[in-house]
């Protein structure tokens, strides 16, 4: 998890990349990591470096909807959120930590 800003500068989180060692794949570790990341981001128990924040707006990632959709991630409307480098806009997914936060997250992703 990396703290990012999008547009107005409200703190959001970027999830990824996520990998599970080949010898333990299929045992639910990836699912558990994602579920814990979402829960801690929403409850204010997310620790990113020395920052603990209870007002994260969204968790953003670049990934595959068939996998991440089961956790509640949804596609971001094309052009709403952009990255500084090349990213397929169809793979930009987000889940809200605060109601309405996705609609307010507009612009370029940048580190904070």
PDB file of N, CA and C in Angstrom:
ATOM      1  N   UNK A   1       0.845  -1.171   0.000  1.00  0.00           N
ATOM      2  CA  UNK A   1       0.000   0.000   0.000  1.00  0.00           C
ATOM      3  C   UNK A   1       0.891   1.235   0.000  1.00  0.00           C
ATOM      4  N   UNK A   2       0.576   2.141  -0.894  1.00  0.00           N
ATOM      5  CA  UNK A   2       1.307   3.387  -1.005  1.00  0.00           C
ATOM      6  C   UNK A   2       0.314   4.533  -0.909  1.00  0.00           C
ATOM      7  N   UNK A   3       0.622   5.533  -0.103  1.00  0.00           N
ATOM      8  CA  UNK A   3      -0.242   6.704  -0.007  1.00  0.00           C
ATOM      9  C   UNK A   3      -0.060   7.539  -1.268  1.00  0.00           C
ATOM     10  N   UNK A   4      -1.182   7.919  -1.865  1.00  0.00           N
ATOM     11  CA  UNK A   4      -1.165   8.726  -3.084  1.00  0.00           C
ATOM     12  C   UNK A   4      -2.158   9.877  -2.945  1.00  0.00           C
ATOM     13  N   UNK A   5      -2.043  10.817  -3.859  1.00  0.00           N
ATOM     14  CA  UNK A   5      -3.028  11.892  -4.003  1.00  0.00           C
ATOM     15  C   UNK A   5      -3.561  11.819  -5.426  1.00  0.00           C
ATOM     16  N   UNK A   6      -4.793  12.202  -5.580  1.00  0.00           N
ATOM     17  CA  UNK A   6      -5.421  12.267  -6.906  1.00  0.00           C
ATOM     18  C   UNK A   6      -6.167  13.587  -6.950  1.00  0.00           C
ATOM     19  N   UNK A   7      -5.794  14.440  -7.879  1.00  0.00           N
ATOM     20  CA  UNK A   7      -6.506  15.706  -7.996  1.00  0.00           C
ATOM     21  C   UNK A   7      -6.349  16.594  -6.789  1.00  0.00           C
ATOM     22  N   UNK A   8      -7.387  16.691  -5.936  1.00  0.00           N
ATOM     23  CA  UNK A   8      -7.406  17.654  -4.841  1.00  0.00           C
ATOM     24  C   UNK A   8      -6.455  17.347  -3.695  1.00  0.00           C
ATOM     25  N   UNK A   9      -5.816  16.201  -3.700  1.00  0.00           N
ATOM     26  CA  UNK A   9      -4.810  15.912  -2.691  1.00  0.00           C
ATOM     27  C   UNK A   9      -5.289  15.111  -1.496  1.00  0.00           C
ATOM     28  N   UNK A  10      -6.568  14.762  -1.419  1.00  0.00           N
ATOM     29  CA  UNK A  10      -7.049  13.902  -0.333  1.00  0.00           C
ATOM     30  C   UNK A  10      -6.252  12.601  -0.347  1.00  0.00           C
ATOM     31  N   UNK A  11      -5.897  12.058   0.811  1.00  0.00           N
ATOM     32  CA  UNK A  11      -5.104  10.832   0.801  1.00  0.00           C
ATOM     33  C   UNK A  11      -5.909   9.609   0.350  1.00  0.00           C
ATOM     34  N   UNK A  12      -5.318   8.876  -0.572  1.00  0.00           N
ATOM     35  CA  UNK A  12      -5.865   7.622  -1.072  1.00  0.00           C
ATOM     36  C   UNK A  12      -4.748   6.590  -0.968  1.00  0.00           C
ATOM     37  N   UNK A  13      -5.058   5.350  -1.288  1.00  0.00           N
ATOM     38  CA  UNK A  13      -4.063   4.288  -1.251  1.00  0.00           C
ATOM     39  C   UNK A  13      -3.974   3.585  -2.592  1.00  0.00           C
ATOM     40  N   UNK A  14      -2.761   3.215  -2.970  1.00  0.00           N
ATOM     41  CA  UNK A  14      -2.513   2.429  -4.168  1.00  0.00           C
ATOM     42  C   UNK A  14      -2.082   1.047  -3.713  1.00  0.00           C
ATOM     43  N   UNK A  15      -2.782   0.025  -4.159  1.00  0.00           N
ATOM     44  CA  UNK A  15      -2.485  -1.354  -3.789  1.00  0.00           C
ATOM     45  C   UNK A  15      -1.724  -2.023  -4.921  1.00  0.00           C
ATOM     46  N   UNK A  16      -0.606  -2.635  -4.581  1.00  0.00           N
ATOM     47  CA  UNK A  16       0.094  -3.448  -5.569  1.00  0.00           C
ATOM     48  C   UNK A  16       1.546  -3.074  -5.672  1.00  0.00           C
ATOM     49  N   UNK A  17       2.297  -3.847  -6.371  1.00  0.00           N
ATOM     50  CA  UNK A  17       1.889  -5.154  -6.888  1.00  0.00           C
ATOM     51  C   UNK A  17       1.806  -6.174  -5.768  1.00  0.00           C
ATOM     52  N   UNK A  18       1.018  -7.207  -6.007  1.00  0.00           N
ATOM     53  CA  UNK A  18       0.782  -8.247  -5.022  1.00  0.00           C
ATOM     54  C   UNK A  18       1.161  -9.587  -5.646  1.00  0.00           C
ATOM     55  N   UNK A  19       1.954 -10.358  -4.943  1.00  0.00           N
ATOM     56  CA  UNK A  19       2.349 -11.676  -5.439  1.00  0.00           C
ATOM     57  C   UNK A  19       2.402 -12.650  -4.272  1.00  0.00           C
ATOM     58  N   UNK A  20       2.113 -13.897  -4.561  1.00  0.00           N
ATOM     59  CA  UNK A  20       2.185 -14.971  -3.577  1.00  0.00           C
ATOM     60  C   UNK A  20       3.188 -15.987  -4.102  1.00  0.00           C
ATOM     61  N   UNK A  21       4.052 -16.455  -3.214  1.00  0.00           N
ATOM     62  CA  UNK A  21       5.063 -17.439  -3.600  1.00  0.00           C
ATOM     63  C   UNK A  21       4.401 -18.656  -4.249  1.00  0.00           C
ATOM     64  N   UNK A  22       5.024 -19.153  -5.289  1.00  0.00           N
ATOM     65  CA  UNK A  22       4.458 -20.255  -6.073  1.00  0.00           C
ATOM     66  C   UNK A  22       4.115 -21.476  -5.223  1.00  0.00           C
ATOM     67  N   UNK A  23       4.927 -21.766  -4.223  1.00  0.00           N
ATOM     68  CA  UNK A  23       4.696 -22.984  -3.435  1.00  0.00           C
ATOM     69  C   UNK A  23       3.507 -22.881  -2.480  1.00  0.00           C
ATOM     70  N   UNK A  24       2.931 -21.687  -2.309  1.00  0.00           N
ATOM     71  CA  UNK A  24       1.750 -21.541  -1.442  1.00  0.00           C
ATOM     72  C   UNK A  24       0.568 -20.905  -2.172  1.00  0.00           C
ATOM     73  N   UNK A  25       0.653 -20.799  -3.495  1.00  0.00           N
ATOM     74  CA  UNK A  25      -0.468 -20.252  -4.256  1.00  0.00           C
ATOM     75  C   UNK A  25      -1.674 -21.178  -4.139  1.00  0.00           C
ATOM     76  N   UNK A  26      -2.853 -20.586  -4.185  1.00  0.00           N
ATOM     77  CA  UNK A  26      -4.076 -21.361  -4.097  1.00  0.00           C
ATOM     78  C   UNK A  26      -4.514 -21.680  -2.680  1.00  0.00           C
ATOM     79  N   UNK A  27      -3.798 -21.150  -1.691  1.00  0.00           N
ATOM     80  CA  UNK A  27      -4.137 -21.432  -0.298  1.00  0.00           C
ATOM     81  C   UNK A  27      -4.846 -20.258   0.381  1.00  0.00           C
ATOM     82  N   UNK A  28      -5.171 -19.218  -0.382  1.00  0.00           N
ATOM     83  CA  UNK A  28      -5.943 -18.100   0.159  1.00  0.00           C
ATOM     84  C   UNK A  28      -5.140 -16.946   0.713  1.00  0.00           C
ATOM     85  N   UNK A  29      -3.801 -16.992   0.585  1.00  0.00           N
ATOM     86  CA  UNK A  29      -2.989 -15.899   1.131  1.00  0.00           C
ATOM     87  C   UNK A  29      -3.236 -14.584   0.399  1.00  0.00           C
ATOM     88  N   UNK A  30      -3.332 -14.613  -0.914  1.00  0.00           N
ATOM     89  CA  UNK A  30      -3.597 -13.396  -1.678  1.00  0.00           C
ATOM     90  C   UNK A  30      -4.946 -12.793  -1.319  1.00  0.00           C
ATOM     91  N   UNK A  31      -5.971 -13.640  -1.245  1.00  0.00           N
ATOM     92  CA  UNK A  31      -7.306 -13.167  -0.862  1.00  0.00           C
ATOM     93  C   UNK A  31      -7.279 -12.548   0.530  1.00  0.00           C
ATOM     94  N   UNK A  32      -6.578 -13.176   1.449  1.00  0.00           N
ATOM     95  CA  UNK A  32      -6.506 -12.656   2.821  1.00  0.00           C
ATOM     96  C   UNK A  32      -5.786 -11.309   2.862  1.00  0.00           C
ATOM     97  N   UNK A  33      -4.713 -11.169   2.096  1.00  0.00           N
ATOM     98  CA  UNK A  33      -3.980  -9.902   2.049  1.00  0.00           C
ATOM     99  C   UNK A  33      -4.862  -8.773   1.523  1.00  0.00           C
ATOM    100  N   UNK A  34      -5.597  -9.044   0.448  1.00  0.00           N
ATOM    101  CA  UNK A  34      -6.452  -8.016  -0.143  1.00  0.00           C
ATOM    102  C   UNK A  34      -7.587  -7.656   0.811  1.00  0.00           C
ATOM    103  N   UNK A  35      -8.226  -8.666   1.384  1.00  0.00           N
ATOM    104  CA  UNK A  35      -9.323  -8.402   2.319  1.00  0.00           C
ATOM    105  C   UNK A  35      -8.842  -7.592   3.519  1.00  0.00           C
ATOM    106  N   UNK A  36      -7.664  -7.922   4.052  1.00  0.00           N
ATOM    107  CA  UNK A  36      -7.121  -7.179   5.188  1.00  0.00           C
ATOM    108  C   UNK A  36      -6.783  -5.741   4.793  1.00  0.00           C
ATOM    109  N   UNK A  37      -6.233  -5.558   3.589  1.00  0.00           N
ATOM    110  CA  UNK A  37      -5.898  -4.207   3.126  1.00  0.00           C
ATOM    111  C   UNK A  37      -7.154  -3.347   3.024  1.00  0.00           C
ATOM    112  N   UNK A  38      -8.221  -3.910   2.491  1.00  0.00           N
ATOM    113  CA  UNK A  38      -9.471  -3.155   2.361  1.00  0.00           C
ATOM    114  C   UNK A  38     -10.035  -2.821   3.736  1.00  0.00           C
ATOM    115  N   UNK A  39     -10.104  -3.813   4.599  1.00  0.00           N
ATOM    116  CA  UNK A  39     -10.658  -3.596   5.939  1.00  0.00           C
ATOM    117  C   UNK A  39      -9.870  -2.552   6.709  1.00  0.00           C
ATOM    118  N   UNK A  40      -8.548  -2.666   6.717  1.00  0.00           N
ATOM    119  CA  UNK A  40      -7.737  -1.712   7.478  1.00  0.00           C
ATOM    120  C   UNK A  40      -7.809  -0.317   6.879  1.00  0.00           C
ATOM    121  N   UNK A  41      -7.968  -0.210   5.573  1.00  0.00           N
ATOM    122  CA  UNK A  41      -8.099   1.099   4.927  1.00  0.00           C
ATOM    123  C   UNK A  41      -9.408   1.772   5.312  1.00  0.00           C
ATOM    124  N   UNK A  42     -10.446   0.986   5.475  1.00  0.00           N
ATOM    125  CA  UNK A  42     -11.767   1.527   5.823  1.00  0.00           C
ATOM    126  C   UNK A  42     -11.916   1.830   7.308  1.00  0.00           C
ATOM    127  N   UNK A  43     -11.233   1.089   8.144  1.00  0.00           N
ATOM    128  CA  UNK A  43     -11.419   1.246   9.585  1.00  0.00           C
ATOM    129  C   UNK A  43     -10.434   2.203  10.221  1.00  0.00           C
ATOM    130  N   UNK A  44      -9.462   2.666   9.448  1.00  0.00           N
ATOM    131  CA  UNK A  44      -8.488   3.588  10.009  1.00  0.00           C
ATOM    132  C   UNK A  44      -7.332   2.907  10.688  1.00  0.00           C
ATOM    133  N   UNK A  45      -7.196   1.600  10.470  1.00  0.00           N
ATOM    134  CA  UNK A  45      -6.068   0.886  11.062  1.00  0.00           C
ATOM    135  C   UNK A  45      -4.958   0.651  10.052  1.00  0.00           C
ATOM    136  N   UNK A  46      -5.080   1.245   8.871  1.00  0.00           N
ATOM    137  CA  UNK A  46      -4.056   1.084   7.841  1.00  0.00           C
ATOM    138  C   UNK A  46      -2.808   1.861   8.237  1.00  0.00           C
ATOM    139  N   UNK A  47      -1.704   1.202   8.284  1.00  0.00           N
ATOM    140  CA  UNK A  47      -0.416   1.834   8.557  1.00  0.00           C
ATOM    141  C   UNK A  47       0.399   1.769   7.277  1.00  0.00           C
ATOM    142  N   UNK A  48       0.779   2.914   6.773  1.00  0.00           N
ATOM    143  CA  UNK A  48       1.604   2.987   5.581  1.00  0.00           C
ATOM    144  C   UNK A  48       2.837   3.773   5.980  1.00  0.00           C
ATOM    145  N   UNK A  49       3.955   3.058   6.126  1.00  0.00           N
ATOM    146  CA  UNK A  49       5.143   3.692   6.675  1.00  0.00           C
ATOM    147  C   UNK A  49       4.840   4.127   8.091  1.00  0.00           C
ATOM    148  N   UNK A  50       5.073   5.376   8.403  1.00  0.00           N
ATOM    149  CA  UNK A  50       4.798   5.878   9.754  1.00  0.00           C
ATOM    150  C   UNK A  50       3.429   6.552   9.835  1.00  0.00           C
ATOM    151  N   UNK A  51       2.658   6.512   8.739  1.00  0.00           N
ATOM    152  CA  UNK A  51       1.368   7.203   8.690  1.00  0.00           C
ATOM    153  C   UNK A  51       0.234   6.253   9.036  1.00  0.00           C
ATOM    154  N   UNK A  52      -0.595   6.631   9.987  1.00  0.00           N
ATOM    155  CA  UNK A  52      -1.864   5.940  10.210  1.00  0.00           C
ATOM    156  C   UNK A  52      -2.941   6.959   9.901  1.00  0.00           C
ATOM    157  N   UNK A  53      -3.830   6.605   9.026  1.00  0.00           N
ATOM    158  CA  UNK A  53      -4.823   7.548   8.521  1.00  0.00           C
ATOM    159  C   UNK A  53      -6.197   6.904   8.595  1.00  0.00           C
ATOM    160  N   UNK A  54      -7.182   7.641   9.004  1.00  0.00           N
ATOM    161  CA  UNK A  54      -8.540   7.112   9.043  1.00  0.00           C
ATOM    162  C   UNK A  54      -9.429   7.775   7.992  1.00  0.00           C
ATOM    163  N   UNK A  55      -8.850   8.560   7.142  1.00  0.00           N
ATOM    164  CA  UNK A  55      -9.654   9.279   6.157  1.00  0.00           C
ATOM    165  C   UNK A  55      -9.249   8.966   4.730  1.00  0.00           C
ATOM    166  N   UNK A  56      -8.742   7.770   4.467  1.00  0.00           N
ATOM    167  CA  UNK A  56      -8.423   7.423   3.087  1.00  0.00           C
ATOM    168  C   UNK A  56      -9.712   7.437   2.281  1.00  0.00           C
ATOM    169  N   UNK A  57      -9.624   7.960   1.066  1.00  0.00           N
ATOM    170  CA  UNK A  57     -10.806   8.029   0.210  1.00  0.00           C
ATOM    171  C   UNK A  57     -11.084   6.732  -0.506  1.00  0.00           C
ATOM    172  N   UNK A  58     -10.094   6.252  -1.267  1.00  0.00           N
ATOM    173  CA  UNK A  58     -10.258   5.030  -2.043  1.00  0.00           C
ATOM    174  C   UNK A  58      -8.987   4.193  -1.966  1.00  0.00           C
ATOM    175  N   UNK A  59      -9.137   2.920  -2.322  1.00  0.00           N
ATOM    176  CA  UNK A  59      -7.995   2.067  -2.613  1.00  0.00           C
ATOM    177  C   UNK A  59      -8.033   1.862  -4.118  1.00  0.00           C
ATOM    178  N   UNK A  60      -6.947   2.186  -4.773  1.00  0.00           N
ATOM    179  CA  UNK A  60      -6.829   2.144  -6.224  1.00  0.00           C
ATOM    180  C   UNK A  60      -5.837   1.063  -6.603  1.00  0.00           C
ATOM    181  N   UNK A  61      -6.065   0.412  -7.737  1.00  0.00           N
ATOM    182  CA  UNK A  61      -5.098  -0.546  -8.248  1.00  0.00           C
ATOM    183  C   UNK A  61      -5.218  -0.656  -9.753  1.00  0.00           C
ATOM    184  N   UNK A  62      -4.224  -1.257 -10.342  1.00  0.00           N
ATOM    185  CA  UNK A  62      -4.252  -1.586 -11.764  1.00  0.00           C
ATOM    186  C   UNK A  62      -4.267  -3.107 -11.822  1.00  0.00           C
ATOM    187  N   UNK A  63      -5.374  -3.665 -12.266  1.00  0.00           N
ATOM    188  CA  UNK A  63      -5.492  -5.113 -12.248  1.00  0.00           C
ATOM    189  C   UNK A  63      -6.641  -5.616 -13.086  1.00  0.00           C
ATOM    190  N   UNK A  64      -6.948  -6.885 -12.881  1.00  0.00           N
ATOM    191  CA  UNK A  64      -7.965  -7.575 -13.668  1.00  0.00           C
ATOM    192  C   UNK A  64      -9.290  -7.619 -12.915  1.00  0.00           C
ATOM    193  N   UNK A  65     -10.340  -7.102 -13.544  1.00  0.00           N
ATOM    194  CA  UNK A  65     -11.663  -7.057 -12.935  1.00  0.00           C
ATOM    195  C   UNK A  65     -12.172  -8.445 -12.528  1.00  0.00           C
ATOM    196  N   UNK A  66     -11.969  -9.493 -13.329  1.00  0.00           N
ATOM    197  CA  UNK A  66     -12.474 -10.795 -12.895  1.00  0.00           C
ATOM    198  C   UNK A  66     -11.901 -11.253 -11.549  1.00  0.00           C
ATOM    199  N   UNK A  67     -10.690 -10.856 -11.227  1.00  0.00           N
ATOM    200  CA  UNK A  67     -10.099 -11.227  -9.938  1.00  0.00           C
ATOM    201  C   UNK A  67     -10.506 -10.244  -8.836  1.00  0.00           C
ATOM    202  N   UNK A  68     -10.268  -8.966  -9.053  1.00  0.00           N
ATOM    203  CA  UNK A  68     -10.469  -7.967  -7.999  1.00  0.00           C
ATOM    204  C   UNK A  68     -11.935  -7.574  -7.796  1.00  0.00           C
ATOM    205  N   UNK A  69     -12.775  -7.838  -8.780  1.00  0.00           N
ATOM    206  CA  UNK A  69     -14.195  -7.523  -8.647  1.00  0.00           C
ATOM    207  C   UNK A  69     -14.860  -8.255  -7.494  1.00  0.00           C
ATOM    208  N   UNK A  70     -14.392  -9.445  -7.171  1.00  0.00           N
ATOM    209  CA  UNK A  70     -15.002 -10.215  -6.074  1.00  0.00           C
ATOM    210  C   UNK A  70     -14.789  -9.552  -4.709  1.00  0.00           C
ATOM    211  N   UNK A  71     -13.842  -8.617  -4.640  1.00  0.00           N
ATOM    212  CA  UNK A  71     -13.594  -7.895  -3.392  1.00  0.00           C
ATOM    213  C   UNK A  71     -14.352  -6.570  -3.342  1.00  0.00           C
ATOM    214  N   UNK A  72     -15.044  -6.239  -4.422  1.00  0.00           N
ATOM    215  CA  UNK A  72     -15.800  -4.989  -4.473  1.00  0.00           C
ATOM    216  C   UNK A  72     -15.162  -3.898  -5.309  1.00  0.00           C
ATOM    217  N   UNK A  73     -14.001  -4.173  -5.914  1.00  0.00           N
ATOM    218  CA  UNK A  73     -13.381  -3.177  -6.785  1.00  0.00           C
ATOM    219  C   UNK A  73     -14.233  -2.997  -8.027  1.00  0.00           C
ATOM    220  N   UNK A  74     -14.292  -1.755  -8.482  1.00  0.00           N
ATOM    221  CA  UNK A  74     -15.075  -1.413  -9.672  1.00  0.00           C
ATOM    222  C   UNK A  74     -14.198  -0.640 -10.646  1.00  0.00           C
ATOM    223  N   UNK A  75     -14.498  -0.754 -11.948  1.00  0.00           N
ATOM    224  CA  UNK A  75     -13.731   0.026 -12.923  1.00  0.00           C
ATOM    225  C   UNK A  75     -13.938   1.520 -12.697  1.00  0.00           C
ATOM    226  N   UNK A  76     -12.867   2.269 -12.850  1.00  0.00           N
ATOM    227  CA  UNK A  76     -12.932   3.729 -12.771  1.00  0.00           C
ATOM    228  C   UNK A  76     -13.323   4.231 -14.163  1.00  0.00           C
ATOM    229  N   UNK A  77     -14.275   5.145 -14.252  1.00  0.00           N
ATOM    230  CA  UNK A  77     -14.649   5.670 -15.571  1.00  0.00           C
ATOM    231  C   UNK A  77     -13.416   6.185 -16.335  1.00  0.00           C
ATOM    232  N   UNK A  78     -13.365   5.846 -17.599  1.00  0.00           N
ATOM    233  CA  UNK A  78     -12.220   6.203 -18.439  1.00  0.00           C
ATOM    234  C   UNK A  78     -11.929   7.695 -18.390  1.00  0.00           C
ATOM    235  N   UNK A  79     -10.680   8.033 -18.109  1.00  0.00           N
ATOM    236  CA  UNK A  79     -10.236   9.417 -18.069  1.00  0.00           C
ATOM    237  C   UNK A  79     -10.396  10.095 -16.721  1.00  0.00           C
ATOM    238  N   UNK A  80     -11.112   9.496 -15.781  1.00  0.00           N
ATOM    239  CA  UNK A  80     -11.320  10.131 -14.468  1.00  0.00           C
ATOM    240  C   UNK A  80     -10.031  10.172 -13.665  1.00  0.00           C
ATOM    241  N   UNK A  81      -9.295   9.074 -13.660  1.00  0.00           N
ATOM    242  CA  UNK A  81      -8.025   8.989 -12.937  1.00  0.00           C
ATOM    243  C   UNK A  81      -6.961   8.577 -13.938  1.00  0.00           C
ATOM    244  N   UNK A  82      -5.853   9.313 -13.945  1.00  0.00           N
ATOM    245  CA  UNK A  82      -4.762   8.997 -14.863  1.00  0.00           C
ATOM    246  C   UNK A  82      -3.476   8.770 -14.081  1.00  0.00           C
ATOM    247  N   UNK A  83      -2.570   8.048 -14.689  1.00  0.00           N
ATOM    248  CA  UNK A  83      -1.261   7.760 -14.110  1.00  0.00           C
ATOM    249  C   UNK A  83      -0.198   8.496 -14.906  1.00  0.00           C
ATOM    250  N   UNK A  84       0.953   8.780 -14.289  1.00  0.00           N
ATOM    251  CA  UNK A  84       2.009   9.500 -15.011  1.00  0.00           C
ATOM    252  C   UNK A  84       2.615   8.686 -16.148  1.00  0.00           C
ATOM    253  N   UNK A  85       2.529   7.375 -16.086  1.00  0.00           N
ATOM    254  CA  UNK A  85       3.064   6.518 -17.145  1.00  0.00           C
ATOM    255  C   UNK A  85       1.944   5.807 -17.869  1.00  0.00           C
ATOM    256  N   UNK A  86       2.322   4.999 -18.841  1.00  0.00           N
ATOM    257  CA  UNK A  86       1.285   4.289 -19.600  1.00  0.00           C
ATOM    258  C   UNK A  86       0.582   3.222 -18.765  1.00  0.00           C
ATOM    259  N   UNK A  87      -0.741   3.327 -18.682  1.00  0.00           N
ATOM    260  CA  UNK A  87      -1.581   2.369 -17.975  1.00  0.00           C
ATOM    261  C   UNK A  87      -2.846   2.176 -18.809  1.00  0.00           C
ATOM    262  N   UNK A  88      -3.247   0.935 -18.978  1.00  0.00           N
ATOM    263  CA  UNK A  88      -4.491   0.646 -19.685  1.00  0.00           C
ATOM    264  C   UNK A  88      -5.653   1.142 -18.822  1.00  0.00           C
ATOM    265  N   UNK A  89      -6.406   2.140 -19.265  1.00  0.00           N
ATOM    266  CA  UNK A  89      -7.481   2.705 -18.446  1.00  0.00           C
ATOM    267  C   UNK A  89      -8.545   1.677 -18.053  1.00  0.00           C
ATOM    268  N   UNK A  90      -8.706   0.633 -18.831  1.00  0.00           N
ATOM    269  CA  UNK A  90      -9.704  -0.397 -18.524  1.00  0.00           C
ATOM    270  C   UNK A  90      -9.299  -1.228 -17.311  1.00  0.00           C
ATOM    271  N   UNK A  91      -8.038  -1.152 -16.900  1.00  0.00           N
ATOM    272  CA  UNK A  91      -7.547  -1.940 -15.769  1.00  0.00           C
ATOM    273  C   UNK A  91      -7.444  -1.122 -14.481  1.00  0.00           C
ATOM    274  N   UNK A  92      -7.849   0.145 -14.508  1.00  0.00           N
ATOM    275  CA  UNK A  92      -7.825   0.975 -13.303  1.00  0.00           C
ATOM    276  C   UNK A  92      -9.098   0.686 -12.516  1.00  0.00           C
ATOM    277  N   UNK A  93      -8.914   0.133 -11.316  1.00  0.00           N
ATOM    278  CA  UNK A  93     -10.026  -0.277 -10.468  1.00  0.00           C
ATOM    279  C   UNK A  93      -9.921   0.413  -9.115  1.00  0.00           C
ATOM    280  N   UNK A  94     -11.065   0.612  -8.473  1.00  0.00           N
ATOM    281  CA  UNK A  94     -11.064   1.279  -7.166  1.00  0.00           C
ATOM    282  C   UNK A  94     -12.175   0.728  -6.289  1.00  0.00           C
ATOM    283  N   UNK A  95     -11.962   0.859  -4.996  1.00  0.00           N
ATOM    284  CA  UNK A  95     -12.987   0.559  -4.005  1.00  0.00           C
ATOM    285  C   UNK A  95     -12.986   1.728  -3.014  1.00  0.00           C
ATOM    286  N   UNK A  96     -14.170   2.148  -2.611  1.00  0.00           N
ATOM    287  CA  UNK A  96     -14.276   3.294  -1.706  1.00  0.00           C
ATOM    288  C   UNK A  96     -14.043   2.900  -0.255  1.00  0.00           C
ATOM    289  N   UNK A  97     -13.312   3.742   0.437  1.00  0.00           N
ATOM    290  CA  UNK A  97     -13.177   3.638   1.895  1.00  0.00           C
ATOM    291  C   UNK A  97     -14.199   4.547   2.563  1.00  0.00           C
ATOM    292  N   UNK A  98     -14.526   5.633   1.890  1.00  0.00           N
ATOM    293  CA  UNK A  98     -15.508   6.609   2.362  1.00  0.00           C
ATOM    294  C   UNK A  98     -16.563   6.769   1.261  1.00  0.00           C
ATOM    295  N   UNK A  99     -17.844   6.787   1.611  1.00  0.00           N
ATOM    296  CA  UNK A  99     -18.886   6.942   0.599  1.00  0.00           C
ATOM    297  C   UNK A  99     -18.677   8.202  -0.245  1.00  0.00           C
ATOM    298  N   UNK A 100     -18.806   8.050  -1.552  1.00  0.00           N
ATOM    299  CA  UNK A 100     -18.689   9.174  -2.473  1.00  0.00           C
ATOM    300  C   UNK A 100     -17.273   9.572  -2.831  1.00  0.00           C
ATOM    301  N   UNK A 101     -16.282   8.903  -2.256  1.00  0.00           N
ATOM    302  CA  UNK A 101     -14.884   9.303  -2.481  1.00  0.00           C
ATOM    303  C   UNK A 101     -14.430   9.082  -3.917  1.00  0.00           C
ATOM    304  N   UNK A 102     -14.928   8.043  -4.568  1.00  0.00           N
ATOM    305  CA  UNK A 102     -14.487   7.786  -5.938  1.00  0.00           C
ATOM    306  C   UNK A 102     -14.907   8.918  -6.870  1.00  0.00           C
ATOM    307  N   UNK A 103     -16.097   9.419  -6.712  1.00  0.00           N
ATOM    308  CA  UNK A 103     -16.574  10.509  -7.572  1.00  0.00           C
ATOM    309  C   UNK A 103     -15.715  11.761  -7.416  1.00  0.00           C
ATOM    310  N   UNK A 104     -15.128  11.952  -6.244  1.00  0.00           N
ATOM    311  CA  UNK A 104     -14.299  13.137  -6.000  1.00  0.00           C
ATOM    312  C   UNK A 104     -12.831  12.924  -6.384  1.00  0.00           C
ATOM    313  N   UNK A 105     -12.458  11.699  -6.684  1.00  0.00           N
ATOM    314  CA  UNK A 105     -11.071  11.391  -7.057  1.00  0.00           C
ATOM    315  C   UNK A 105     -10.924  11.561  -8.564  1.00  0.00           C
ATOM    316  N   UNK A 106     -10.479  12.736  -8.957  1.00  0.00           N
ATOM    317  CA  UNK A 106     -10.369  13.071 -10.373  1.00  0.00           C
ATOM    318  C   UNK A 106      -9.007  13.683 -10.623  1.00  0.00           C
ATOM    319  N   UNK A 107      -8.283  13.139 -11.590  1.00  0.00           N
ATOM    320  CA  UNK A 107      -7.009  13.738 -11.966  1.00  0.00           C
ATOM    321  C   UNK A 107      -5.867  12.748 -11.991  1.00  0.00           C
ATOM    322  N   UNK A 108      -4.681  13.289 -11.874  1.00  0.00           N
ATOM    323  CA  UNK A 108      -3.446  12.541 -11.978  1.00  0.00           C
ATOM    324  C   UNK A 108      -3.058  11.931 -10.640  1.00  0.00           C
ATOM    325  N   UNK A 109      -2.668  10.660 -10.644  1.00  0.00           N
ATOM    326  CA  UNK A 109      -2.150   9.981  -9.452  1.00  0.00           C
ATOM    327  C   UNK A 109      -0.735  10.483  -9.202  1.00  0.00           C
ATOM    328  N   UNK A 110      -0.451  10.857  -7.953  1.00  0.00           N
ATOM    329  CA  UNK A 110       0.903  11.288  -7.609  1.00  0.00           C
ATOM    330  C   UNK A 110       1.218  10.842  -6.180  1.00  0.00           C
ATOM    331  N   UNK A 111       2.485  10.661  -5.909  1.00  0.00           N
ATOM    332  CA  UNK A 111       2.913  10.287  -4.570  1.00  0.00           C
ATOM    333  C   UNK A 111       2.825  11.460  -3.623  1.00  0.00           C
ATOM    334  N   UNK A 112       2.756  11.153  -2.349  1.00  0.00           N
ATOM    335  CA  UNK A 112       2.730  12.210  -1.332  1.00  0.00           C
ATOM    336  C   UNK A 112       3.872  12.027  -0.373  1.00  0.00           C
TER     337      UNK A 112
END
